[in-house]
């Protein structure tokens, strides 16, 4: 359920170019940053690119984009 929150104009302005570059709304961009920040705090020893890849993998799983990995 969506909840209205108050955000600084600075954060909103900073999110706009990232949102446009990633084809997201500003709200979606800020949500992405929040999810990434949460995962980063929960996994301080992992590099950010790895965490980003993990978030993408979870979305691919939700979308049903699965394939069996063939070893060797």
PDB file of N, CA and C in Angstrom:
ATOM      1  N   UNK A   1       0.845  -1.171   0.000  1.00  0.00           N
ATOM      2  CA  UNK A   1       0.000   0.000   0.000  1.00  0.00           C
ATOM      3  C   UNK A   1       0.896   1.242   0.000  1.00  0.00           C
ATOM      4  N   UNK A   2       0.738   2.106  -0.978  1.00  0.00           N
ATOM      5  CA  UNK A   2       1.553   3.325  -1.030  1.00  0.00           C
ATOM      6  C   UNK A   2       1.305   4.223   0.180  1.00  0.00           C
ATOM      7  N   UNK A   3       2.376   4.835   0.629  1.00  0.00           N
ATOM      8  CA  UNK A   3       2.316   5.775   1.735  1.00  0.00           C
ATOM      9  C   UNK A   3       3.022   7.047   1.319  1.00  0.00           C
ATOM     10  N   UNK A   4       2.408   8.177   1.573  1.00  0.00           N
ATOM     11  CA  UNK A   4       3.017   9.463   1.244  1.00  0.00           C
ATOM     12  C   UNK A   4       4.064   9.801   2.300  1.00  0.00           C
ATOM     13  N   UNK A   5       5.259  10.179   1.831  1.00  0.00           N
ATOM     14  CA  UNK A   5       6.308  10.634   2.736  1.00  0.00           C
ATOM     15  C   UNK A   5       6.876  11.936   2.197  1.00  0.00           C
ATOM     16  N   UNK A   6       7.463  12.696   3.080  1.00  0.00           N
ATOM     17  CA  UNK A   6       8.053  13.966   2.685  1.00  0.00           C
ATOM     18  C   UNK A   6       9.542  13.771   2.442  1.00  0.00           C
ATOM     19  N   UNK A   7      10.008  14.171   1.265  1.00  0.00           N
ATOM     20  CA  UNK A   7      11.414  14.060   0.902  1.00  0.00           C
ATOM     21  C   UNK A   7      11.961  15.443   0.583  1.00  0.00           C
ATOM     22  N   UNK A   8      13.246  15.611   0.768  1.00  0.00           N
ATOM     23  CA  UNK A   8      13.857  16.907   0.471  1.00  0.00           C
ATOM     24  C   UNK A   8      13.870  17.145  -1.036  1.00  0.00           C
ATOM     25  N   UNK A   9      13.775  18.390  -1.402  1.00  0.00           N
ATOM     26  CA  UNK A   9      13.854  18.757  -2.822  1.00  0.00           C
ATOM     27  C   UNK A   9      15.215  18.373  -3.397  1.00  0.00           C
ATOM     28  N   UNK A  10      16.245  18.452  -2.574  1.00  0.00           N
ATOM     29  CA  UNK A  10      17.589  18.084  -3.018  1.00  0.00           C
ATOM     30  C   UNK A  10      17.635  16.621  -3.453  1.00  0.00           C
ATOM     31  N   UNK A  11      17.083  15.720  -2.646  1.00  0.00           N
ATOM     32  CA  UNK A  11      17.068  14.299  -2.993  1.00  0.00           C
ATOM     33  C   UNK A  11      16.272  14.068  -4.274  1.00  0.00           C
ATOM     34  N   UNK A  12      15.141  14.722  -4.389  1.00  0.00           N
ATOM     35  CA  UNK A  12      14.299  14.576  -5.583  1.00  0.00           C
ATOM     36  C   UNK A  12      15.050  15.074  -6.816  1.00  0.00           C
ATOM     37  N   UNK A  13      15.690  16.225  -6.698  1.00  0.00           N
ATOM     38  CA  UNK A  13      16.450  16.773  -7.825  1.00  0.00           C
ATOM     39  C   UNK A  13      17.629  15.884  -8.199  1.00  0.00           C
ATOM     40  N   UNK A  14      18.283  15.286  -7.204  1.00  0.00           N
ATOM     41  CA  UNK A  14      19.396  14.385  -7.482  1.00  0.00           C
ATOM     42  C   UNK A  14      18.923  13.098  -8.148  1.00  0.00           C
ATOM     43  N   UNK A  15      17.728  12.650  -7.832  1.00  0.00           N
ATOM     44  CA  UNK A  15      17.202  11.406  -8.390  1.00  0.00           C
ATOM     45  C   UNK A  15      16.741  11.549  -9.835  1.00  0.00           C
ATOM     46  N   UNK A  16      16.352  12.751 -10.248  1.00  0.00           N
ATOM     47  CA  UNK A  16      15.772  12.943 -11.584  1.00  0.00           C
ATOM     48  C   UNK A  16      16.653  12.455 -12.728  1.00  0.00           C
ATOM     49  N   UNK A  17      17.928  12.844 -12.812  1.00  0.00           N
ATOM     50  CA  UNK A  17      18.727  12.362 -13.950  1.00  0.00           C
ATOM     51  C   UNK A  17      18.972  10.852 -13.916  1.00  0.00           C
ATOM     52  N   UNK A  18      19.119  10.298 -12.722  1.00  0.00           N
ATOM     53  CA  UNK A  18      19.296   8.846 -12.607  1.00  0.00           C
ATOM     54  C   UNK A  18      18.028   8.121 -13.045  1.00  0.00           C
ATOM     55  N   UNK A  19      16.890   8.650 -12.624  1.00  0.00           N
ATOM     56  CA  UNK A  19      15.610   8.049 -12.995  1.00  0.00           C
ATOM     57  C   UNK A  19      15.426   8.066 -14.505  1.00  0.00           C
ATOM     58  N   UNK A  20      15.728   9.187 -15.116  1.00  0.00           N
ATOM     59  CA  UNK A  20      15.580   9.296 -16.563  1.00  0.00           C
ATOM     60  C   UNK A  20      16.523   8.336 -17.285  1.00  0.00           C
ATOM     61  N   UNK A  21      17.760   8.250 -16.820  1.00  0.00           N
ATOM     62  CA  UNK A  21      18.738   7.378 -17.468  1.00  0.00           C
ATOM     63  C   UNK A  21      18.363   5.907 -17.346  1.00  0.00           C
ATOM     64  N   UNK A  22      17.687   5.543 -16.264  1.00  0.00           N
ATOM     65  CA  UNK A  22      17.337   4.145 -16.027  1.00  0.00           C
ATOM     66  C   UNK A  22      15.881   3.839 -16.386  1.00  0.00           C
ATOM     67  N   UNK A  23      15.201   4.783 -17.011  1.00  0.00           N
ATOM     68  CA  UNK A  23      13.793   4.619 -17.411  1.00  0.00           C
ATOM     69  C   UNK A  23      12.905   4.280 -16.216  1.00  0.00           C
ATOM     70  N   UNK A  24      13.120   5.014 -15.135  1.00  0.00           N
ATOM     71  CA  UNK A  24      12.307   4.858 -13.927  1.00  0.00           C
ATOM     72  C   UNK A  24      11.658   6.193 -13.607  1.00  0.00           C
ATOM     73  N   UNK A  25      10.605   6.134 -12.824  1.00  0.00           N
ATOM     74  CA  UNK A  25      10.061   7.375 -12.283  1.00  0.00           C
ATOM     75  C   UNK A  25      10.998   7.827 -11.157  1.00  0.00           C
ATOM     76  N   UNK A  26      10.856   9.064 -10.726  1.00  0.00           N
ATOM     77  CA  UNK A  26      11.682   9.555  -9.620  1.00  0.00           C
ATOM     78  C   UNK A  26      11.393   8.732  -8.370  1.00  0.00           C
ATOM     79  N   UNK A  27      10.127   8.419  -8.128  1.00  0.00           N
ATOM     80  CA  UNK A  27       9.773   7.605  -6.959  1.00  0.00           C
ATOM     81  C   UNK A  27      10.408   6.217  -7.045  1.00  0.00           C
ATOM     82  N   UNK A  28      10.373   5.609  -8.223  1.00  0.00           N
ATOM     83  CA  UNK A  28      10.992   4.292  -8.397  1.00  0.00           C
ATOM     84  C   UNK A  28      12.497   4.356  -8.168  1.00  0.00           C
ATOM     85  N   UNK A  29      13.133   5.442  -8.618  1.00  0.00           N
ATOM     86  CA  UNK A  29      14.574   5.593  -8.429  1.00  0.00           C
ATOM     87  C   UNK A  29      14.907   5.691  -6.947  1.00  0.00           C
ATOM     88  N   UNK A  30      14.142   6.480  -6.214  1.00  0.00           N
ATOM     89  CA  UNK A  30      14.400   6.638  -4.783  1.00  0.00           C
ATOM     90  C   UNK A  30      14.123   5.329  -4.054  1.00  0.00           C
ATOM     91  N   UNK A  31      13.099   4.588  -4.467  1.00  0.00           N
ATOM     92  CA  UNK A  31      12.845   3.266  -3.885  1.00  0.00           C
ATOM     93  C   UNK A  31      14.023   2.323  -4.150  1.00  0.00           C
ATOM     94  N   UNK A  32      14.566   2.379  -5.361  1.00  0.00           N
ATOM     95  CA  UNK A  32      15.723   1.542  -5.709  1.00  0.00           C
ATOM     96  C   UNK A  32      16.896   1.884  -4.800  1.00  0.00           C
ATOM     97  N   UNK A  33      17.170   3.178  -4.652  1.00  0.00           N
ATOM     98  CA  UNK A  33      18.258   3.583  -3.772  1.00  0.00           C
ATOM     99  C   UNK A  33      18.026   3.094  -2.347  1.00  0.00           C
ATOM    100  N   UNK A  34      16.794   3.158  -1.884  1.00  0.00           N
ATOM    101  CA  UNK A  34      16.474   2.712  -0.531  1.00  0.00           C
ATOM    102  C   UNK A  34      16.705   1.204  -0.392  1.00  0.00           C
ATOM    103  N   UNK A  35      16.252   0.425  -1.386  1.00  0.00           N
ATOM    104  CA  UNK A  35      16.469  -1.028  -1.345  1.00  0.00           C
ATOM    105  C   UNK A  35      17.957  -1.347  -1.367  1.00  0.00           C
ATOM    106  N   UNK A  36      18.698  -0.669  -2.247  1.00  0.00           N
ATOM    107  CA  UNK A  36      20.134  -0.908  -2.350  1.00  0.00           C
ATOM    108  C   UNK A  36      20.836  -0.524  -1.043  1.00  0.00           C
ATOM    109  N   UNK A  37      20.451   0.567  -0.451  1.00  0.00           N
ATOM    110  CA  UNK A  37      21.040   0.984   0.822  1.00  0.00           C
ATOM    111  C   UNK A  37      20.751  -0.005   1.930  1.00  0.00           C
ATOM    112  N   UNK A  38      19.534  -0.531   1.962  1.00  0.00           N
ATOM    113  CA  UNK A  38      19.165  -1.529   2.963  1.00  0.00           C
ATOM    114  C   UNK A  38      20.002  -2.788   2.797  1.00  0.00           C
ATOM    115  N   UNK A  39      20.115  -3.269   1.559  1.00  0.00           N
ATOM    116  CA  UNK A  39      20.900  -4.473   1.288  1.00  0.00           C
ATOM    117  C   UNK A  39      22.375  -4.219   1.619  1.00  0.00           C
ATOM    118  N   UNK A  40      22.874  -3.026   1.323  1.00  0.00           N
ATOM    119  CA  UNK A  40      24.272  -2.701   1.618  1.00  0.00           C
ATOM    120  C   UNK A  40      24.527  -2.696   3.128  1.00  0.00           C
ATOM    121  N   UNK A  41      23.589  -2.175   3.892  1.00  0.00           N
ATOM    122  CA  UNK A  41      23.759  -2.191   5.352  1.00  0.00           C
ATOM    123  C   UNK A  41      23.702  -3.604   5.905  1.00  0.00           C
ATOM    124  N   UNK A  42      22.876  -4.454   5.289  1.00  0.00           N
ATOM    125  CA  UNK A  42      22.750  -5.836   5.744  1.00  0.00           C
ATOM    126  C   UNK A  42      23.944  -6.700   5.325  1.00  0.00           C
ATOM    127  N   UNK A  43      24.679  -6.262   4.308  1.00  0.00           N
ATOM    128  CA  UNK A  43      25.813  -7.024   3.763  1.00  0.00           C
ATOM    129  C   UNK A  43      27.012  -6.105   3.564  1.00  0.00           C
ATOM    130  N   UNK A  44      27.589  -5.587   4.639  1.00  0.00           N
ATOM    131  CA  UNK A  44      28.647  -4.582   4.514  1.00  0.00           C
ATOM    132  C   UNK A  44      29.928  -5.081   3.849  1.00  0.00           C
ATOM    133  N   UNK A  45      30.121  -6.390   3.780  1.00  0.00           N
ATOM    134  CA  UNK A  45      31.347  -6.925   3.195  1.00  0.00           C
ATOM    135  C   UNK A  45      31.255  -7.137   1.685  1.00  0.00           C
ATOM    136  N   UNK A  46      30.062  -6.966   1.102  1.00  0.00           N
ATOM    137  CA  UNK A  46      29.880  -7.192  -0.331  1.00  0.00           C
ATOM    138  C   UNK A  46      29.968  -5.881  -1.097  1.00  0.00           C
ATOM    139  N   UNK A  47      30.607  -5.896  -2.263  1.00  0.00           N
ATOM    140  CA  UNK A  47      30.694  -4.672  -3.075  1.00  0.00           C
ATOM    141  C   UNK A  47      29.322  -4.301  -3.654  1.00  0.00           C
ATOM    142  N   UNK A  48      29.111  -3.009  -3.843  1.00  0.00           N
ATOM    143  CA  UNK A  48      27.834  -2.497  -4.357  1.00  0.00           C
ATOM    144  C   UNK A  48      27.465  -3.132  -5.696  1.00  0.00           C
ATOM    145  N   UNK A  49      28.391  -3.257  -6.666  1.00  0.00           N
ATOM    146  CA  UNK A  49      27.997  -3.895  -7.936  1.00  0.00           C
ATOM    147  C   UNK A  49      27.435  -5.310  -7.755  1.00  0.00           C
ATOM    148  N   UNK A  50      27.985  -6.053  -6.810  1.00  0.00           N
ATOM    149  CA  UNK A  50      27.467  -7.398  -6.558  1.00  0.00           C
ATOM    150  C   UNK A  50      26.042  -7.315  -6.001  1.00  0.00           C
ATOM    151  N   UNK A  51      25.809  -6.375  -5.101  1.00  0.00           N
ATOM    152  CA  UNK A  51      24.470  -6.197  -4.545  1.00  0.00           C
ATOM    153  C   UNK A  51      23.478  -5.776  -5.628  1.00  0.00           C
ATOM    154  N   UNK A  52      23.913  -4.902  -6.530  1.00  0.00           N
ATOM    155  CA  UNK A  52      23.052  -4.492  -7.638  1.00  0.00           C
ATOM    156  C   UNK A  52      22.693  -5.694  -8.507  1.00  0.00           C
ATOM    157  N   UNK A  53      23.672  -6.538  -8.796  1.00  0.00           N
ATOM    158  CA  UNK A  53      23.416  -7.742  -9.591  1.00  0.00           C
ATOM    159  C   UNK A  53      22.435  -8.666  -8.883  1.00  0.00           C
ATOM    160  N   UNK A  54      22.543  -8.751  -7.567  1.00  0.00           N
ATOM    161  CA  UNK A  54      21.621  -9.589  -6.808  1.00  0.00           C
ATOM    162  C   UNK A  54      20.196  -9.060  -6.896  1.00  0.00           C
ATOM    163  N   UNK A  55      20.031  -7.741  -6.816  1.00  0.00           N
ATOM    164  CA  UNK A  55      18.693  -7.157  -6.939  1.00  0.00           C
ATOM    165  C   UNK A  55      18.110  -7.419  -8.323  1.00  0.00           C
ATOM    166  N   UNK A  56      18.943  -7.316  -9.359  1.00  0.00           N
ATOM    167  CA  UNK A  56      18.486  -7.606 -10.725  1.00  0.00           C
ATOM    168  C   UNK A  56      18.086  -9.080 -10.825  1.00  0.00           C
ATOM    169  N   UNK A  57      18.881  -9.948 -10.240  1.00  0.00           N
ATOM    170  CA  UNK A  57      18.576 -11.388 -10.282  1.00  0.00           C
ATOM    171  C   UNK A  57      17.243 -11.695  -9.620  1.00  0.00           C
ATOM    172  N   UNK A  58      16.960 -11.038  -8.508  1.00  0.00           N
ATOM    173  CA  UNK A  58      15.680 -11.252  -7.839  1.00  0.00           C
ATOM    174  C   UNK A  58      14.508 -10.823  -8.724  1.00  0.00           C
ATOM    175  N   UNK A  59      14.677  -9.708  -9.431  1.00  0.00           N
ATOM    176  CA  UNK A  59      13.615  -9.239 -10.328  1.00  0.00           C
ATOM    177  C   UNK A  59      13.449 -10.189 -11.515  1.00  0.00           C
ATOM    178  N   UNK A  60      14.559 -10.729 -12.013  1.00  0.00           N
ATOM    179  CA  UNK A  60      14.480 -11.712 -13.099  1.00  0.00           C
ATOM    180  C   UNK A  60      13.752 -12.968 -12.631  1.00  0.00           C
ATOM    181  N   UNK A  61      14.021 -13.391 -11.412  1.00  0.00           N
ATOM    182  CA  UNK A  61      13.341 -14.548 -10.840  1.00  0.00           C
ATOM    183  C   UNK A  61      11.836 -14.296 -10.752  1.00  0.00           C
ATOM    184  N   UNK A  62      11.461 -13.115 -10.260  1.00  0.00           N
ATOM    185  CA  UNK A  62      10.037 -12.758 -10.164  1.00  0.00           C
ATOM    186  C   UNK A  62       9.372 -12.765 -11.534  1.00  0.00           C
ATOM    187  N   UNK A  63      10.120 -12.355 -12.570  1.00  0.00           N
ATOM    188  CA  UNK A  63       9.578 -12.276 -13.927  1.00  0.00           C
ATOM    189  C   UNK A  63       9.560 -13.636 -14.615  1.00  0.00           C
ATOM    190  N   UNK A  64      10.127 -14.655 -13.967  1.00  0.00           N
ATOM    191  CA  UNK A  64      10.142 -15.988 -14.552  1.00  0.00           C
ATOM    192  C   UNK A  64      11.232 -16.208 -15.578  1.00  0.00           C
ATOM    193  N   UNK A  65      12.230 -15.347 -15.597  1.00  0.00           N
ATOM    194  CA  UNK A  65      13.346 -15.482 -16.543  1.00  0.00           C
ATOM    195  C   UNK A  65      14.396 -16.412 -15.954  1.00  0.00           C
ATOM    196  N   UNK A  66      14.113 -17.693 -16.014  1.00  0.00           N
ATOM    197  CA  UNK A  66      15.003 -18.700 -15.440  1.00  0.00           C
ATOM    198  C   UNK A  66      15.507 -19.628 -16.524  1.00  0.00           C
ATOM    199  N   UNK A  67      16.707 -20.123 -16.338  1.00  0.00           N
ATOM    200  CA  UNK A  67      17.233 -21.159 -17.214  1.00  0.00           C
ATOM    201  C   UNK A  67      18.165 -22.034 -16.386  1.00  0.00           C
ATOM    202  N   UNK A  68      18.246 -23.296 -16.750  1.00  0.00           N
ATOM    203  CA  UNK A  68      19.087 -24.243 -16.038  1.00  0.00           C
ATOM    204  C   UNK A  68      20.537 -24.034 -16.470  1.00  0.00           C
ATOM    205  N   UNK A  69      21.420 -23.932 -15.500  1.00  0.00           N
ATOM    206  CA  UNK A  69      22.838 -23.772 -15.801  1.00  0.00           C
ATOM    207  C   UNK A  69      23.434 -25.136 -16.107  1.00  0.00           C
ATOM    208  N   UNK A  70      24.134 -25.238 -17.222  1.00  0.00           N
ATOM    209  CA  UNK A  70      24.781 -26.483 -17.627  1.00  0.00           C
ATOM    210  C   UNK A  70      26.252 -26.438 -17.234  1.00  0.00           C
ATOM    211  N   UNK A  71      26.641 -27.267 -16.298  1.00  0.00           N
ATOM    212  CA  UNK A  71      28.034 -27.336 -15.868  1.00  0.00           C
ATOM    213  C   UNK A  71      28.864 -28.080 -16.898  1.00  0.00           C
ATOM    214  N   UNK A  72      30.121 -27.622 -17.075  1.00  0.00           N
ATOM    215  CA  UNK A  72      31.077 -28.314 -17.921  1.00  0.00           C
ATOM    216  C   UNK A  72      30.679 -28.308 -19.303  1.00  0.00           C
TER     217      UNK A  72
END
